[in-house]
Amino acid sequence: MLEGTKWRQVSWRKGTKGRLTARFAAIRVRIADGAPQRIGSAGAQHMPGEEAWLVGKHRSNGERKYYLSNLPAETPIKVLAGAIKARWICEQAHQQLKEELGLDHFEGRSWTGLHRHALMSMMAYAFLQSRRLAQVGRKKKSLRTATATQSAISAPGHS
């Protein structure tokens, strides 16, 4: 479906080795996930549901991947690309929740207990993440202060 669509080079964020880019194309489609209906002698067939984005990604190494997104029709392709690439961050957070905070250690038998355990794990993760971000902010601020001080000291006319 995307073969006749214009592919664009999109950069979604800056990485450690520079801008992260790939070629993307996107079109609106209707996915056959609507209510099942009997059509003729066939069994239950799914009718087209709501519109969604079909997004294709070509990387420079030849890898191709395809995604579906329910973002609004007016969403720019750069935002679609950013949302698709944010999936990795979500997976990393889930991995940390399991490894560091015991999200996968619940052994209770009730749905309510599971939800409480998940909620407490996520609250702990949010707290730790806020502490990590505050620490990074302090390091950046002290680095800027040290750089400004160094510049003032080495400026002409200062001894």
N, C-alpha and C. Protein backbone atom coordinates (compact mmCIF):
# COMPACT_ATOMS: atom_id res chain seq x y z
N MET A 1 0.81 -1.20 0.00
CA MET A 1 0.00 0.00 0.00
C MET A 1 0.86 1.27 0.00
N LEU A 2 2.09 1.16 0.50
CA LEU A 2 2.93 2.36 0.60
C LEU A 2 3.86 2.55 -0.60
N GLU A 3 3.86 1.61 -1.54
CA GLU A 3 4.80 1.70 -2.67
C GLU A 3 4.63 2.98 -3.46
N GLY A 4 3.42 3.44 -3.71
CA GLY A 4 3.18 4.65 -4.49
C GLY A 4 3.23 5.93 -3.67
N THR A 5 3.53 5.81 -2.39
CA THR A 5 3.54 6.96 -1.49
C THR A 5 4.93 7.60 -1.45
N LYS A 6 4.98 8.90 -1.26
CA LYS A 6 6.25 9.61 -1.16
C LYS A 6 6.94 9.27 0.16
N TRP A 7 8.18 8.84 0.07
CA TRP A 7 9.00 8.54 1.25
C TRP A 7 9.84 9.76 1.57
N ARG A 8 9.88 10.14 2.84
CA ARG A 8 10.61 11.33 3.27
C ARG A 8 11.65 10.97 4.32
N GLN A 9 12.79 11.64 4.24
CA GLN A 9 13.83 11.50 5.27
C GLN A 9 13.36 12.28 6.49
N VAL A 10 13.24 11.61 7.64
CA VAL A 10 12.74 12.24 8.86
C VAL A 10 13.74 12.02 9.99
N SER A 11 14.00 13.06 10.73
CA SER A 11 14.82 12.98 11.94
C SER A 11 13.90 13.17 13.13
N TRP A 12 13.91 12.24 14.07
CA TRP A 12 12.97 12.33 15.19
C TRP A 12 13.62 12.79 16.49
N ARG A 13 14.95 12.64 16.62
CA ARG A 13 15.62 13.17 17.80
C ARG A 13 17.12 13.07 17.61
N LYS A 14 17.85 13.69 18.54
CA LYS A 14 19.31 13.67 18.51
C LYS A 14 19.79 12.52 19.39
N GLY A 15 20.66 11.69 18.87
CA GLY A 15 21.22 10.58 19.64
C GLY A 15 22.65 10.87 20.03
N THR A 16 23.32 9.89 20.62
CA THR A 16 24.71 10.08 21.05
C THR A 16 25.66 10.21 19.86
N LYS A 17 25.28 9.70 18.70
CA LYS A 17 26.13 9.79 17.51
C LYS A 17 25.56 10.75 16.47
N GLY A 18 24.71 11.67 16.89
CA GLY A 18 24.13 12.64 15.97
C GLY A 18 22.64 12.43 15.80
N ARG A 19 22.07 13.08 14.78
CA ARG A 19 20.63 12.99 14.51
C ARG A 19 20.25 11.58 14.10
N LEU A 20 19.13 11.09 14.63
CA LEU A 20 18.59 9.78 14.25
C LEU A 20 17.61 9.99 13.10
N THR A 21 17.88 9.36 11.97
CA THR A 21 17.05 9.56 10.79
C THR A 21 16.73 8.25 10.10
N ALA A 22 15.65 8.25 9.36
CA ALA A 22 15.25 7.13 8.51
C ALA A 22 14.24 7.68 7.51
N ARG A 23 13.92 6.90 6.49
CA ARG A 23 12.90 7.31 5.51
C ARG A 23 11.56 6.76 5.97
N PHE A 24 10.54 7.63 5.96
CA PHE A 24 9.19 7.26 6.39
C PHE A 24 8.17 7.62 5.32
N ALA A 25 7.11 6.83 5.28
CA ALA A 25 5.93 7.14 4.47
C ALA A 25 4.72 6.78 5.31
N ALA A 26 3.63 7.51 5.11
CA ALA A 26 2.43 7.26 5.91
C ALA A 26 1.18 7.56 5.09
N ILE A 27 0.19 6.70 5.24
CA ILE A 27 -1.12 6.94 4.63
C ILE A 27 -2.21 6.53 5.61
N ARG A 28 -3.39 7.08 5.42
CA ARG A 28 -4.54 6.72 6.26
C ARG A 28 -5.20 5.49 5.64
N VAL A 29 -5.52 4.50 6.48
CA VAL A 29 -6.18 3.27 6.04
C VAL A 29 -7.31 2.93 7.00
N ARG A 30 -8.16 2.04 6.56
CA ARG A 30 -9.20 1.49 7.44
C ARG A 30 -8.85 0.03 7.67
N ILE A 31 -8.68 -0.32 8.92
CA ILE A 31 -8.29 -1.68 9.29
C ILE A 31 -9.54 -2.53 9.46
N ALA A 32 -9.48 -3.75 9.01
CA ALA A 32 -10.63 -4.65 9.14
C ALA A 32 -10.68 -5.20 10.57
N ASP A 33 -11.04 -4.32 11.50
CA ASP A 33 -11.16 -4.74 12.89
C ASP A 33 -12.51 -4.32 13.48
N GLY A 34 -13.43 -3.98 12.61
CA GLY A 34 -14.75 -3.58 13.07
C GLY A 34 -15.55 -4.78 13.56
N ALA A 35 -16.83 -4.56 13.73
CA ALA A 35 -17.71 -5.62 14.25
C ALA A 35 -17.76 -6.79 13.27
N PRO A 36 -17.72 -8.03 13.77
CA PRO A 36 -17.82 -9.19 12.87
C PRO A 36 -19.23 -9.32 12.31
N GLN A 37 -19.31 -9.64 11.02
CA GLN A 37 -20.61 -9.85 10.36
C GLN A 37 -20.50 -11.06 9.45
N ARG A 38 -21.62 -11.77 9.32
CA ARG A 38 -21.66 -12.91 8.41
C ARG A 38 -21.91 -12.38 7.01
N ILE A 39 -21.04 -12.73 6.08
CA ILE A 39 -21.18 -12.30 4.69
C ILE A 39 -21.36 -13.55 3.83
N GLY A 40 -22.57 -13.73 3.30
CA GLY A 40 -22.86 -14.91 2.48
C GLY A 40 -22.63 -16.19 3.25
N SER A 41 -21.94 -17.15 2.62
CA SER A 41 -21.70 -18.44 3.26
C SER A 41 -20.44 -18.42 4.14
N ALA A 42 -19.68 -17.32 4.08
CA ALA A 42 -18.48 -17.22 4.89
C ALA A 42 -18.84 -17.03 6.36
N GLY A 43 -17.91 -17.37 7.21
CA GLY A 43 -18.12 -17.17 8.65
C GLY A 43 -18.08 -15.69 8.98
N ALA A 44 -17.81 -15.39 10.22
CA ALA A 44 -17.78 -14.00 10.67
C ALA A 44 -16.62 -13.26 10.01
N GLN A 45 -16.92 -12.19 9.29
CA GLN A 45 -15.92 -11.35 8.64
C GLN A 45 -15.88 -10.02 9.37
N HIS A 46 -14.72 -9.47 9.51
CA HIS A 46 -14.60 -8.18 10.17
C HIS A 46 -14.71 -7.06 9.14
N MET A 47 -15.57 -6.13 9.41
CA MET A 47 -15.77 -4.98 8.53
C MET A 47 -14.75 -3.90 8.88
N PRO A 48 -14.47 -2.99 7.93
CA PRO A 48 -13.52 -1.92 8.23
C PRO A 48 -13.96 -1.08 9.43
N GLY A 49 -12.99 -0.76 10.27
CA GLY A 49 -13.26 0.05 11.45
C GLY A 49 -12.84 1.49 11.22
N GLU A 50 -12.36 2.12 12.28
CA GLU A 50 -11.94 3.52 12.22
C GLU A 50 -10.66 3.65 11.38
N GLU A 51 -10.43 4.86 10.88
CA GLU A 51 -9.21 5.14 10.14
C GLU A 51 -8.01 5.14 11.08
N ALA A 52 -6.87 4.73 10.54
CA ALA A 52 -5.62 4.74 11.30
C ALA A 52 -4.49 5.06 10.32
N TRP A 53 -3.32 5.34 10.86
CA TRP A 53 -2.14 5.56 10.03
C TRP A 53 -1.43 4.24 9.78
N LEU A 54 -1.07 3.98 8.54
CA LEU A 54 -0.13 2.91 8.19
C LEU A 54 1.18 3.62 7.91
N VAL A 55 2.19 3.34 8.72
CA VAL A 55 3.48 4.03 8.61
C VAL A 55 4.55 3.01 8.26
N GLY A 56 5.33 3.32 7.25
CA GLY A 56 6.45 2.48 6.86
C GLY A 56 7.75 3.17 7.16
N LYS A 57 8.77 2.38 7.53
CA LYS A 57 10.09 2.93 7.83
C LYS A 57 11.14 2.13 7.07
N HIS A 58 12.00 2.82 6.32
CA HIS A 58 13.15 2.21 5.65
C HIS A 58 14.39 2.76 6.31
N ARG A 59 15.24 1.87 6.80
CA ARG A 59 16.50 2.33 7.37
C ARG A 59 17.59 2.23 6.32
N SER A 60 18.72 2.86 6.56
CA SER A 60 19.82 2.88 5.58
C SER A 60 20.40 1.49 5.35
N ASN A 61 20.24 0.57 6.31
CA ASN A 61 20.76 -0.79 6.15
C ASN A 61 19.81 -1.70 5.37
N GLY A 62 18.70 -1.13 4.85
CA GLY A 62 17.74 -1.90 4.06
C GLY A 62 16.59 -2.48 4.86
N GLU A 63 16.66 -2.40 6.19
CA GLU A 63 15.59 -2.91 7.04
C GLU A 63 14.31 -2.13 6.80
N ARG A 64 13.18 -2.85 6.72
CA ARG A 64 11.86 -2.22 6.56
C ARG A 64 10.96 -2.68 7.68
N LYS A 65 10.25 -1.73 8.25
CA LYS A 65 9.28 -2.05 9.29
C LYS A 65 8.01 -1.25 9.03
N TYR A 66 6.89 -1.80 9.51
CA TYR A 66 5.59 -1.16 9.29
C TYR A 66 4.84 -1.10 10.61
N TYR A 67 4.12 -0.01 10.81
CA TYR A 67 3.42 0.24 12.07
C TYR A 67 2.01 0.77 11.79
N LEU A 68 1.13 0.57 12.76
CA LEU A 68 -0.20 1.18 12.73
C LEU A 68 -0.28 2.17 13.89
N SER A 69 -0.89 3.32 13.65
CA SER A 69 -1.04 4.32 14.69
C SER A 69 -2.45 4.90 14.64
N ASN A 70 -3.01 5.15 15.80
CA ASN A 70 -4.34 5.76 15.87
C ASN A 70 -4.27 7.26 16.15
N LEU A 71 -3.13 7.88 15.89
CA LEU A 71 -3.02 9.33 16.06
C LEU A 71 -3.96 10.04 15.08
N PRO A 72 -4.35 11.28 15.37
CA PRO A 72 -5.31 12.00 14.50
C PRO A 72 -4.80 12.16 13.06
N ALA A 73 -5.74 12.37 12.14
CA ALA A 73 -5.43 12.48 10.71
C ALA A 73 -4.50 13.65 10.39
N GLU A 74 -4.53 14.71 11.16
CA GLU A 74 -3.70 15.88 10.86
C GLU A 74 -2.29 15.78 11.45
N THR A 75 -1.93 14.65 12.02
CA THR A 75 -0.62 14.47 12.64
C THR A 75 0.50 14.50 11.59
N PRO A 76 1.53 15.36 11.77
CA PRO A 76 2.64 15.41 10.82
C PRO A 76 3.48 14.13 10.89
N ILE A 77 4.17 13.81 9.81
CA ILE A 77 4.95 12.57 9.75
C ILE A 77 6.09 12.57 10.78
N LYS A 78 6.64 13.73 11.10
CA LYS A 78 7.71 13.79 12.11
C LYS A 78 7.18 13.36 13.48
N VAL A 79 5.96 13.75 13.80
CA VAL A 79 5.34 13.34 15.07
C VAL A 79 5.05 11.84 15.06
N LEU A 80 4.57 11.32 13.91
CA LEU A 80 4.34 9.88 13.79
C LEU A 80 5.64 9.11 14.02
N ALA A 81 6.72 9.56 13.38
CA ALA A 81 8.01 8.90 13.53
C ALA A 81 8.48 8.94 14.98
N GLY A 82 8.34 10.09 15.63
CA GLY A 82 8.74 10.23 17.03
C GLY A 82 7.96 9.31 17.95
N ALA A 83 6.65 9.18 17.68
CA ALA A 83 5.81 8.30 18.51
C ALA A 83 6.21 6.85 18.32
N ILE A 84 6.50 6.47 17.10
CA ILE A 84 6.91 5.08 16.82
C ILE A 84 8.24 4.79 17.50
N LYS A 85 9.18 5.71 17.40
CA LYS A 85 10.49 5.49 17.99
C LYS A 85 10.47 5.57 19.51
N ALA A 86 9.45 6.20 20.10
CA ALA A 86 9.34 6.28 21.56
C ALA A 86 9.03 4.92 22.16
N ARG A 87 8.61 3.98 21.34
CA ARG A 87 8.31 2.64 21.82
C ARG A 87 9.50 2.02 22.55
N TRP A 88 10.71 2.29 22.06
CA TRP A 88 11.92 1.74 22.68
C TRP A 88 12.04 2.23 24.11
N ILE A 89 11.73 3.50 24.35
CA ILE A 89 11.82 4.08 25.69
C ILE A 89 10.84 3.37 26.62
N CYS A 90 9.64 3.08 26.11
CA CYS A 90 8.63 2.36 26.91
C CYS A 90 9.13 0.97 27.27
N GLU A 91 9.75 0.30 26.31
CA GLU A 91 10.27 -1.05 26.56
C GLU A 91 11.39 -1.01 27.60
N GLN A 92 12.24 0.02 27.52
CA GLN A 92 13.31 0.17 28.51
C GLN A 92 12.73 0.40 29.90
N ALA A 93 11.70 1.23 30.00
CA ALA A 93 11.07 1.51 31.29
C ALA A 93 10.46 0.22 31.86
N HIS A 94 9.80 -0.56 31.02
CA HIS A 94 9.20 -1.81 31.48
C HIS A 94 10.28 -2.77 31.97
N GLN A 95 11.40 -2.84 31.27
CA GLN A 95 12.50 -3.70 31.68
C GLN A 95 13.05 -3.25 33.04
N GLN A 96 13.21 -1.94 33.24
CA GLN A 96 13.68 -1.44 34.52
C GLN A 96 12.68 -1.73 35.63
N LEU A 97 11.40 -1.59 35.36
CA LEU A 97 10.38 -1.90 36.36
C LEU A 97 10.49 -3.35 36.81
N LYS A 98 10.77 -4.23 35.89
CA LYS A 98 10.89 -5.65 36.25
C LYS A 98 12.20 -5.93 36.98
N GLU A 99 13.31 -5.41 36.47
CA GLU A 99 14.62 -5.72 37.04
C GLU A 99 14.90 -5.02 38.36
N GLU A 100 14.58 -3.73 38.44
CA GLU A 100 14.96 -2.94 39.60
C GLU A 100 13.88 -2.84 40.67
N LEU A 101 12.61 -2.94 40.26
CA LEU A 101 11.54 -2.66 41.21
C LEU A 101 10.57 -3.83 41.42
N GLY A 102 10.86 -4.98 40.85
CA GLY A 102 10.08 -6.17 41.14
C GLY A 102 8.68 -6.21 40.56
N LEU A 103 8.44 -5.54 39.44
CA LEU A 103 7.11 -5.56 38.85
C LEU A 103 6.63 -6.98 38.58
N ASP A 104 7.56 -7.86 38.21
CA ASP A 104 7.19 -9.24 37.87
C ASP A 104 7.21 -10.20 39.07
N HIS A 105 7.34 -9.68 40.29
CA HIS A 105 7.42 -10.55 41.47
C HIS A 105 6.10 -10.73 42.22
N PHE A 106 5.01 -10.25 41.67
CA PHE A 106 3.73 -10.37 42.36
C PHE A 106 3.28 -11.83 42.35
N GLU A 107 2.93 -12.35 43.54
CA GLU A 107 2.48 -13.73 43.65
C GLU A 107 1.10 -13.84 44.27
N GLY A 108 0.37 -12.74 44.31
CA GLY A 108 -0.97 -12.77 44.88
C GLY A 108 -1.96 -13.43 43.94
N ARG A 109 -3.20 -13.45 44.35
CA ARG A 109 -4.23 -14.13 43.56
C ARG A 109 -5.39 -13.22 43.18
N SER A 110 -5.31 -11.95 43.54
CA SER A 110 -6.44 -11.08 43.23
C SER A 110 -6.06 -10.02 42.20
N TRP A 111 -7.05 -9.64 41.43
CA TRP A 111 -6.86 -8.59 40.41
C TRP A 111 -6.52 -7.28 41.09
N THR A 112 -7.18 -6.97 42.20
CA THR A 112 -6.93 -5.74 42.95
C THR A 112 -5.49 -5.73 43.46
N GLY A 113 -5.03 -6.85 43.98
CA GLY A 113 -3.66 -6.94 44.48
C GLY A 113 -2.64 -6.71 43.38
N LEU A 114 -2.89 -7.28 42.21
CA LEU A 114 -2.00 -7.09 41.08
C LEU A 114 -1.94 -5.61 40.69
N HIS A 115 -3.10 -4.98 40.64
CA HIS A 115 -3.14 -3.56 40.28
C HIS A 115 -2.41 -2.71 41.31
N ARG A 116 -2.58 -3.01 42.59
CA ARG A 116 -1.88 -2.26 43.63
C ARG A 116 -0.37 -2.46 43.54
N HIS A 117 0.05 -3.68 43.28
CA HIS A 117 1.48 -3.98 43.13
C HIS A 117 2.05 -3.20 41.94
N ALA A 118 1.35 -3.23 40.81
CA ALA A 118 1.81 -2.51 39.62
C ALA A 118 1.85 -1.01 39.88
N LEU A 119 0.83 -0.47 40.54
CA LEU A 119 0.79 0.95 40.86
C LEU A 119 1.96 1.35 41.75
N MET A 120 2.23 0.58 42.79
CA MET A 120 3.33 0.91 43.70
C MET A 120 4.67 0.83 42.96
N SER A 121 4.83 -0.16 42.09
CA SER A 121 6.07 -0.27 41.30
C SER A 121 6.24 0.95 40.40
N MET A 122 5.16 1.38 39.78
CA MET A 122 5.24 2.54 38.88
C MET A 122 5.47 3.83 39.64
N MET A 123 4.91 3.95 40.83
CA MET A 123 5.14 5.14 41.64
C MET A 123 6.62 5.20 42.06
N ALA A 124 7.17 4.06 42.45
CA ALA A 124 8.59 4.00 42.82
C ALA A 124 9.46 4.36 41.61
N TYR A 125 9.09 3.85 40.43
CA TYR A 125 9.84 4.16 39.21
C TYR A 125 9.79 5.66 38.91
N ALA A 126 8.62 6.26 39.02
CA ALA A 126 8.47 7.69 38.76
C ALA A 126 9.32 8.51 39.74
N PHE A 127 9.34 8.11 41.00
CA PHE A 127 10.15 8.81 41.99
C PHE A 127 11.63 8.70 41.65
N LEU A 128 12.10 7.48 41.37
CA LEU A 128 13.51 7.30 41.04
C LEU A 128 13.89 8.04 39.76
N GLN A 129 13.00 8.04 38.79
CA GLN A 129 13.28 8.74 37.55
C GLN A 129 13.38 10.25 37.78
N SER A 130 12.52 10.78 38.65
CA SER A 130 12.59 12.22 38.95
C SER A 130 13.91 12.55 39.64
N ARG A 131 14.38 11.66 40.51
CA ARG A 131 15.67 11.87 41.19
C ARG A 131 16.82 11.82 40.18
N ARG A 132 16.75 10.86 39.24
CA ARG A 132 17.80 10.75 38.21
C ARG A 132 17.85 12.01 37.35
N LEU A 133 16.68 12.50 36.93
CA LEU A 133 16.62 13.69 36.09
C LEU A 133 17.11 14.92 36.85
N ALA A 134 16.77 15.01 38.14
CA ALA A 134 17.24 16.14 38.95
C ALA A 134 18.76 16.11 39.06
N GLN A 135 19.32 14.92 39.22
CA GLN A 135 20.78 14.78 39.31
C GLN A 135 21.45 15.20 38.01
N VAL A 136 20.90 14.80 36.88
CA VAL A 136 21.44 15.20 35.58
C VAL A 136 21.35 16.71 35.42
N GLY A 137 20.23 17.29 35.84
CA GLY A 137 20.06 18.75 35.77
C GLY A 137 21.10 19.48 36.60
N ARG A 138 21.41 18.96 37.80
CA ARG A 138 22.43 19.58 38.65
C ARG A 138 23.80 19.49 37.99
N LYS A 139 24.10 18.35 37.37
CA LYS A 139 25.41 18.19 36.72
C LYS A 139 25.54 19.16 35.55
N LYS A 140 24.47 19.31 34.74
CA LYS A 140 24.52 20.24 33.61
C LYS A 140 24.68 21.67 34.11
N LYS A 141 23.97 22.03 35.19
CA LYS A 141 24.04 23.39 35.73
C LYS A 141 25.44 23.67 36.26
N SER A 142 26.05 22.72 36.99
CA SER A 142 27.39 22.94 37.53
C SER A 142 28.41 22.97 36.40
N LEU A 143 28.20 22.23 35.33
CA LEU A 143 29.10 22.26 34.18
C LEU A 143 29.03 23.62 33.49
N ARG A 144 27.80 24.16 33.34
CA ARG A 144 27.65 25.49 32.73
C ARG A 144 28.31 26.55 33.60
N THR A 145 28.16 26.46 34.92
CA THR A 145 28.76 27.43 35.84
C THR A 145 30.27 27.35 35.76
N ALA A 146 30.82 26.13 35.73
CA ALA A 146 32.28 25.96 35.65
C ALA A 146 32.80 26.49 34.33
N THR A 147 32.09 26.28 33.23
CA THR A 147 32.51 26.77 31.92
C THR A 147 32.48 28.29 31.89
N ALA A 148 31.43 28.89 32.44
CA ALA A 148 31.32 30.36 32.49
C ALA A 148 32.44 30.95 33.34
N THR A 149 32.75 30.32 34.47
CA THR A 149 33.82 30.79 35.34
C THR A 149 35.16 30.69 34.63
N GLN A 150 35.39 29.57 33.95
CA GLN A 150 36.63 29.37 33.22
C GLN A 150 36.78 30.41 32.11
N SER A 151 35.67 30.71 31.42
CA SER A 151 35.70 31.72 30.35
C SER A 151 36.01 33.09 30.93
N ALA A 152 35.45 33.42 32.07
CA ALA A 152 35.69 34.73 32.70
C ALA A 152 37.13 34.86 33.15
N ILE A 153 37.70 33.77 33.65
CA ILE A 153 39.08 33.79 34.12
C ILE A 153 40.04 33.94 32.95
N SER A 154 39.76 33.26 31.83
CA SER A 154 40.69 33.29 30.69
C SER A 154 40.42 34.44 29.73
N ALA A 155 39.42 35.28 30.03
CA ALA A 155 39.11 36.42 29.14
C ALA A 155 40.23 37.46 29.23
N PRO A 156 40.53 38.15 28.11
CA PRO A 156 41.57 39.18 28.13
C PRO A 156 41.25 40.27 29.16
N GLY A 157 42.30 40.79 29.81
CA GLY A 157 42.12 41.86 30.79
C GLY A 157 41.95 41.35 32.20
N HIS A 158 41.89 40.01 32.39
CA HIS A 158 41.80 39.43 33.74
C HIS A 158 43.12 38.80 34.08
N SER A 159 43.56 38.95 35.33
CA SER A 159 44.82 38.35 35.74
C SER A 159 44.57 37.20 36.67
